[in-house]
C-alpha atoms as a PDB file:
ATOM      1  CA  UNK A   1       0.000   0.000   0.000  1.00  0.00           C
ATOM      2  CA  UNK A   2       2.846   2.405   0.785  1.00  0.00           C
ATOM      3  CA  UNK A   3       4.203   1.785  -2.698  1.00  0.00           C
ATOM      4  CA  UNK A   4       0.841   2.729  -4.212  1.00  0.00           C
ATOM      5  CA  UNK A   5       0.707   5.946  -2.190  1.00  0.00           C
ATOM      6  CA  UNK A   6       4.253   6.854  -3.202  1.00  0.00           C
ATOM      7  CA  UNK A   7       3.505   6.233  -6.890  1.00  0.00           C
ATOM      8  CA  UNK A   8       0.313   8.283  -6.706  1.00  0.00           C
ATOM      9  CA  UNK A   9       2.182  11.202  -5.143  1.00  0.00           C
ATOM     10  CA  UNK A  10       4.965  10.849  -7.683  1.00  0.00           C
ATOM     11  CA  UNK A  11       2.749  11.156 -10.754  1.00  0.00           C
ATOM     12  CA  UNK A  12      -0.065  13.249  -9.231  1.00  0.00           C
ATOM     13  CA  UNK A  13      -2.955  11.129 -10.497  1.00  0.00           C
ATOM     14  CA  UNK A  14      -6.140  11.480  -8.431  1.00  0.00           C
ATOM     15  CA  UNK A  15      -7.647   8.354  -6.954  1.00  0.00           C
ATOM     16  CA  UNK A  16     -10.367   6.787  -9.087  1.00  0.00           C
ATOM     17  CA  UNK A  17     -13.703   7.201  -7.342  1.00  0.00           C
ATOM     18  CA  UNK A  18     -17.377   6.750  -8.066  1.00  0.00           C
ATOM     19  CA  UNK A  19     -17.687  10.290  -9.418  1.00  0.00           C
ATOM     20  CA  UNK A  20     -15.036   9.559 -12.048  1.00  0.00           C
ATOM     21  CA  UNK A  21     -16.755   6.305 -13.050  1.00  0.00           C
ATOM     22  CA  UNK A  22     -20.094   8.098 -13.339  1.00  0.00           C
ATOM     23  CA  UNK A  23     -18.495  10.783 -15.519  1.00  0.00           C
ATOM     24  CA  UNK A  24     -16.978   8.136 -17.802  1.00  0.00           C
ATOM     25  CA  UNK A  25     -20.355   6.414 -18.090  1.00  0.00           C
ATOM     26  CA  UNK A  26     -21.962   9.727 -19.068  1.00  0.00           C
ATOM     27  CA  UNK A  27     -19.336  10.332 -21.757  1.00  0.00           C
ATOM     28  CA  UNK A  28     -19.871   6.816 -23.126  1.00  0.00           C
ATOM     29  CA  UNK A  29     -23.640   7.364 -23.199  1.00  0.00           C
ATOM     30  CA  UNK A  30     -23.215  10.693 -24.986  1.00  0.00           C
ATOM     31  CA  UNK A  31     -20.850   9.090 -27.498  1.00  0.00           C
ATOM     32  CA  UNK A  32     -23.406   6.319 -28.099  1.00  0.00           C
ATOM     33  CA  UNK A  33     -26.166   8.881 -28.686  1.00  0.00           C
ATOM     34  CA  UNK A  34     -24.065  10.841 -31.184  1.00  0.00           C
ATOM     35  CA  UNK A  35     -22.772   7.747 -32.969  1.00  0.00           C
ATOM     36  CA  UNK A  36     -26.217   6.114 -33.194  1.00  0.00           C
ATOM     37  CA  UNK A  37     -27.652   9.198 -34.924  1.00  0.00           C
ATOM     38  CA  UNK A  38     -25.260   8.651 -37.836  1.00  0.00           C
ATOM     39  CA  UNK A  39     -25.283   4.860 -38.096  1.00  0.00           C
ATOM     40  CA  UNK A  40     -27.011   1.855 -36.538  1.00  0.00           C
ATOM     41  CA  UNK A  41     -25.196   0.813 -33.354  1.00  0.00           C
ATOM     42  CA  UNK A  42     -25.873  -2.402 -31.469  1.00  0.00           C
ATOM     43  CA  UNK A  43     -26.304  -1.330 -27.844  1.00  0.00           C
ATOM     44  CA  UNK A  44     -25.106  -4.628 -26.351  1.00  0.00           C
ATOM     45  CA  UNK A  45     -21.931  -4.641 -28.456  1.00  0.00           C
ATOM     46  CA  UNK A  46     -21.277  -1.002 -27.608  1.00  0.00           C
ATOM     47  CA  UNK A  47     -21.647  -1.641 -23.871  1.00  0.00           C
ATOM     48  CA  UNK A  48     -19.495  -4.767 -24.033  1.00  0.00           C
ATOM     49  CA  UNK A  49     -16.725  -2.947 -25.924  1.00  0.00           C
ATOM     50  CA  UNK A  50     -16.663  -0.035 -23.467  1.00  0.00           C
ATOM     51  CA  UNK A  51     -16.911  -2.307 -20.430  1.00  0.00           C
ATOM     52  CA  UNK A  52     -13.960  -4.386 -21.639  1.00  0.00           C
ATOM     53  CA  UNK A  53     -11.895  -1.246 -22.242  1.00  0.00           C
ATOM     54  CA  UNK A  54     -12.776   0.209 -18.836  1.00  0.00           C
ATOM     55  CA  UNK A  55     -12.036  -3.107 -17.100  1.00  0.00           C
ATOM     56  CA  UNK A  56      -8.689  -3.328 -18.870  1.00  0.00           C
ATOM     57  CA  UNK A  57      -7.826   0.219 -17.790  1.00  0.00           C
ATOM     58  CA  UNK A  58      -8.711  -0.522 -14.179  1.00  0.00           C
ATOM     59  CA  UNK A  59      -6.686  -3.746 -14.162  1.00  0.00           C
ATOM     60  CA  UNK A  60      -3.652  -2.005 -15.674  1.00  0.00           C
ATOM     61  CA  UNK A  61      -3.877   0.741 -13.075  1.00  0.00           C
ATOM     62  CA  UNK A  62      -4.191  -1.771 -10.249  1.00  0.00           C
ATOM     63  CA  UNK A  63      -1.152  -3.641 -11.545  1.00  0.00           C
ATOM     64  CA  UNK A  64       0.797  -0.384 -11.669  1.00  0.00           C
ATOM     65  CA  UNK A  65      -0.169   0.751  -8.170  1.00  0.00           C
ATOM     66  CA  UNK A  66       0.328  -2.634  -6.522  1.00  0.00           C
ATOM     67  CA  UNK A  67       3.659  -3.559  -8.114  1.00  0.00           C
ATOM     68  CA  UNK A  68       6.662  -2.781  -5.928  1.00  0.00           C
ATOM     69  CA  UNK A  69       9.099  -2.978  -8.845  1.00  0.00           C
ATOM     70  CA  UNK A  70      10.620   0.486  -9.315  1.00  0.00           C
ATOM     71  CA  UNK A  71      11.149  -0.174 -13.038  1.00  0.00           C
ATOM     72  CA  UNK A  72       7.420  -0.482 -13.672  1.00  0.00           C
END
């Protein structure tokens, strides 16, 4: 945990919280609305694609903050 705190201080990235996740969901919804006006968009595929990307981003961040290796 100390390593995570040190890395956060070092790069000045705010902690991910529910407000950030809500904001990202709103941006995705707005993007869907704009995109679906121009072309047919499958809602389930759109949600799956964005969920996979968001999950990948969270996992990468967790790996970064929980790895003690200074070269990471």
